[in-house]
Amino acid sequence: MMSHDPYVLAAIAALFAFALYRRFRRLFGRQALQPTRLKVRVVVLAIVAALFAFSGLHAPNFAAALLGGVAFGAVLAWFGLRLTRFEVTPTGIFYTPSGYIGIVLAALLLSRLAYRFVVLYPTFQASKAETGDPFAAYQSSPLTVALLGIVIGYYIAYCAGLLVRGAALRDERPAIAQPPDAASPPSAP
């Protein structure tokens, strides 16, 4: 049962805002390519997508919205990867994502969730009272599910693309990382 104490709600809102700030901050800066972290993201998001798809088996609109969203997100990831700058240095491989796609996706999803929560709050409470599931109202909207599918599809495909591109750059890195004078033999006097 959720508390309606204003201090608790303010603390939850502050934590949510801090999490969003940390996520958005990553969209603009240079980041080290960390294959393990990317693989974990792909697996977790694939599990989330599979759980949503499994729960959508009873509603064809729900499943179609999710699959369409995932497909559209994968196409956006392809564009995002083309806009991503990669940098190979002796200390590692770095990438700078194009933040505009990520910001637009996050803004669309967050605005839709805010709309569903603020405008449709009475429906939310009614579905909680009838079914006992507080998220039943969110799950009944194909548009919300499609936007969630776009975000999931984007990040799965983007992380997978970073892994592929990182592996290709890692194979090239030893030749790039050598200092220019180390490759040529010393000259005789």
Protein backbone atom coordinates (compact mmCIF):
# COMPACT_ATOMS: atom_id res chain seq x y z
CA MET A 1 0.00 0.00 0.00
CA MET A 2 1.43 3.37 -1.05
CA SER A 3 1.58 6.22 1.43
CA HIS A 4 -0.01 9.54 0.52
CA ASP A 5 2.25 11.47 2.90
CA PRO A 6 3.62 14.49 0.98
CA TYR A 7 7.15 13.91 2.31
CA VAL A 8 7.19 10.33 1.04
CA LEU A 9 5.87 11.42 -2.36
CA ALA A 10 8.46 14.23 -2.50
CA ALA A 11 11.26 11.77 -1.65
CA ILE A 12 10.08 9.37 -4.37
CA ALA A 13 9.88 12.24 -6.88
CA ALA A 14 13.40 13.40 -5.93
CA LEU A 15 14.82 9.90 -6.37
CA PHE A 16 13.08 9.56 -9.71
CA ALA A 17 14.42 12.96 -10.84
CA PHE A 18 17.94 11.99 -9.76
CA ALA A 19 17.72 8.71 -11.70
CA LEU A 20 16.56 10.58 -14.80
CA TYR A 21 19.38 13.11 -14.42
CA ARG A 22 21.98 10.34 -14.25
CA ARG A 23 20.48 8.63 -17.28
CA PHE A 24 20.28 11.79 -19.36
CA ARG A 25 23.80 12.85 -18.38
CA ARG A 26 25.12 9.70 -20.03
CA LEU A 27 23.46 10.60 -23.32
CA PHE A 28 25.87 13.45 -24.02
CA GLY A 29 29.29 12.45 -22.78
CA ARG A 30 32.10 10.23 -23.93
CA GLN A 31 31.82 6.78 -22.40
CA ALA A 32 34.19 3.87 -22.13
CA LEU A 33 33.03 0.81 -24.05
CA GLN A 34 32.34 -1.83 -21.39
CA PRO A 35 31.28 -5.09 -23.07
CA THR A 36 30.19 -6.83 -19.86
CA ARG A 37 27.87 -3.99 -18.90
CA LEU A 38 26.42 -3.87 -22.43
CA LYS A 39 25.80 -7.63 -22.44
CA VAL A 40 23.99 -7.39 -19.10
CA ARG A 41 21.79 -4.59 -20.49
CA VAL A 42 20.93 -6.64 -23.56
CA VAL A 43 20.01 -9.69 -21.47
CA VAL A 44 17.93 -7.72 -18.93
CA LEU A 45 16.06 -5.80 -21.63
CA ALA A 46 15.46 -8.98 -23.62
CA ILE A 47 13.98 -10.60 -20.52
CA VAL A 48 11.74 -7.56 -19.93
CA ALA A 49 10.62 -7.63 -23.57
CA ALA A 50 9.94 -11.37 -23.35
CA LEU A 51 7.89 -10.91 -20.16
CA PHE A 52 5.84 -8.16 -21.79
CA ALA A 53 5.36 -10.29 -24.91
CA PHE A 54 4.32 -13.27 -22.81
CA SER A 55 1.81 -11.19 -20.87
CA GLY A 56 0.48 -9.87 -24.19
CA LEU A 57 -0.43 -13.29 -25.58
CA HIS A 58 -4.03 -12.82 -24.47
CA ALA A 59 -4.38 -9.48 -26.29
CA PRO A 60 -3.32 -9.33 -29.95
CA ASN A 61 -3.31 -5.48 -29.94
CA PHE A 62 -0.92 -5.50 -27.01
CA ALA A 63 1.48 -7.97 -28.64
CA ALA A 64 1.35 -6.19 -32.01
CA ALA A 65 2.05 -2.81 -30.37
CA LEU A 66 5.02 -4.26 -28.48
CA LEU A 67 6.51 -6.00 -31.54
CA GLY A 68 5.95 -2.95 -33.74
CA GLY A 69 7.59 -0.76 -31.13
CA VAL A 70 10.59 -3.09 -30.80
CA ALA A 71 11.03 -3.15 -34.59
CA PHE A 72 10.82 0.64 -34.84
CA GLY A 73 13.27 0.96 -31.94
CA ALA A 74 15.74 -1.31 -33.73
CA VAL A 75 15.56 0.91 -36.83
CA LEU A 76 16.19 3.97 -34.65
CA ALA A 77 19.16 2.17 -33.09
CA TRP A 78 20.66 1.65 -36.53
CA PHE A 79 20.48 5.42 -37.12
CA GLY A 80 21.81 6.04 -33.62
CA LEU A 81 24.81 3.80 -34.25
CA ARG A 82 25.57 5.66 -37.47
CA LEU A 83 25.59 8.93 -35.50
CA THR A 84 27.75 7.55 -32.69
CA ARG A 85 31.40 8.62 -32.66
CA PHE A 86 33.98 6.02 -31.70
CA GLU A 87 37.48 6.74 -30.45
CA VAL A 88 40.27 4.22 -30.01
CA THR A 89 42.97 5.25 -27.56
CA PRO A 90 45.77 3.38 -25.80
CA THR A 91 43.61 3.41 -22.65
CA GLY A 92 40.59 1.84 -24.34
CA ILE A 93 37.71 2.27 -26.73
CA PHE A 94 35.32 5.14 -26.16
CA TYR A 95 32.07 6.17 -27.79
CA THR A 96 29.98 9.31 -27.77
CA PRO A 97 26.32 8.62 -28.50
CA SER A 98 24.06 11.02 -30.31
CA GLY A 99 21.95 12.17 -27.40
CA TYR A 100 19.07 13.51 -29.44
CA ILE A 101 17.55 10.13 -30.21
CA GLY A 102 17.80 9.00 -26.59
CA ILE A 103 16.32 12.23 -25.28
CA VAL A 104 13.40 12.09 -27.71
CA LEU A 105 12.66 8.47 -26.79
CA ALA A 106 12.86 9.13 -23.07
CA ALA A 107 10.74 12.28 -23.37
CA LEU A 108 8.06 10.44 -25.36
CA LEU A 109 7.88 7.57 -22.92
CA LEU A 110 7.96 9.76 -19.82
CA SER A 111 5.35 12.16 -21.19
CA ARG A 112 3.07 9.25 -22.06
CA LEU A 113 3.49 7.71 -18.61
CA ALA A 114 2.89 11.10 -16.96
CA TYR A 115 -0.26 11.56 -19.05
CA ARG A 116 -1.50 8.11 -18.15
CA PHE A 117 -0.82 8.75 -14.47
CA VAL A 118 -2.14 12.30 -14.15
CA VAL A 119 -5.05 12.37 -16.57
CA LEU A 120 -6.19 8.80 -16.16
CA TYR A 121 -5.56 8.50 -12.42
CA PRO A 122 -9.21 7.63 -11.62
CA THR A 123 -9.07 4.74 -14.11
CA PHE A 124 -5.81 3.68 -12.52
CA GLN A 125 -7.41 3.56 -9.08
CA ALA A 126 -10.51 1.77 -10.40
CA SER A 127 -8.45 -0.96 -12.06
CA LYS A 128 -6.45 -1.37 -8.86
CA ALA A 129 -9.65 -1.77 -6.85
CA GLU A 130 -11.19 -4.22 -9.36
CA THR A 131 -8.21 -6.38 -10.24
CA GLY A 132 -5.74 -5.78 -7.41
CA ASP A 133 -3.12 -4.95 -10.07
CA PRO A 134 -2.16 -1.26 -9.91
CA PHE A 135 -0.54 -1.42 -13.36
CA ALA A 136 -3.52 -2.90 -15.19
CA ALA A 137 -4.47 0.49 -16.62
CA TYR A 138 -0.97 0.94 -18.06
CA GLN A 139 -0.99 -2.50 -19.62
CA SER A 140 -4.28 -1.91 -21.43
CA SER A 141 -2.94 0.93 -23.62
CA PRO A 142 -1.37 -0.14 -26.93
CA LEU A 143 0.23 3.30 -27.37
CA THR A 144 2.02 3.09 -24.03
CA VAL A 145 3.15 -0.44 -24.78
CA ALA A 146 4.36 0.60 -28.26
CA LEU A 147 6.43 3.44 -26.76
CA LEU A 148 7.88 1.05 -24.21
CA GLY A 149 8.65 -1.37 -27.05
CA ILE A 150 10.44 1.39 -28.97
CA VAL A 151 12.65 2.17 -25.98
CA ILE A 152 13.38 -1.50 -25.30
CA GLY A 153 14.05 -2.26 -28.98
CA TYR A 154 16.28 0.78 -29.31
CA TYR A 155 18.48 -0.06 -26.34
CA ILE A 156 18.73 -3.78 -27.16
CA ALA A 157 19.78 -3.07 -30.76
CA TYR A 158 22.01 -0.12 -29.80
CA CYS A 159 23.88 -2.09 -27.13
CA ALA A 160 24.24 -5.06 -29.49
CA GLY A 161 25.57 -2.73 -32.19
CA LEU A 162 28.06 -1.23 -29.73
CA LEU A 163 29.26 -4.73 -28.90
CA VAL A 164 29.74 -5.61 -32.57
CA ARG A 165 31.48 -2.33 -33.38
CA GLY A 166 33.61 -2.58 -30.23
CA ALA A 167 34.77 -6.09 -31.17
CA ALA A 168 35.78 -4.85 -34.63
CA LEU A 169 37.65 -1.88 -33.15
CA ARG A 170 39.31 -4.09 -30.53
CA ASP A 171 40.77 -6.22 -33.32
CA GLU A 172 42.20 -3.08 -34.94
CA ARG A 173 43.43 -1.53 -31.67
CA PRO A 174 46.88 -3.18 -31.35
CA ALA A 175 47.96 -1.67 -34.68
CA ILE A 176 46.60 1.74 -33.74
CA ALA A 177 47.88 1.72 -30.16
CA GLN A 178 51.56 1.27 -31.12
CA PRO A 179 53.67 4.41 -31.03
CA PRO A 180 54.92 5.34 -34.53
CA ASP A 181 58.61 4.91 -33.67
CA ALA A 182 58.07 1.44 -32.12
CA ALA A 183 56.92 0.00 -35.46
CA SER A 184 60.10 0.94 -37.35
CA PRO A 185 63.49 -0.59 -36.53
CA PRO A 186 66.21 1.73 -35.29
CA SER A 187 68.35 3.16 -38.05
CA ALA A 188 72.10 2.46 -38.21
CA PRO A 189 74.49 5.44 -37.84
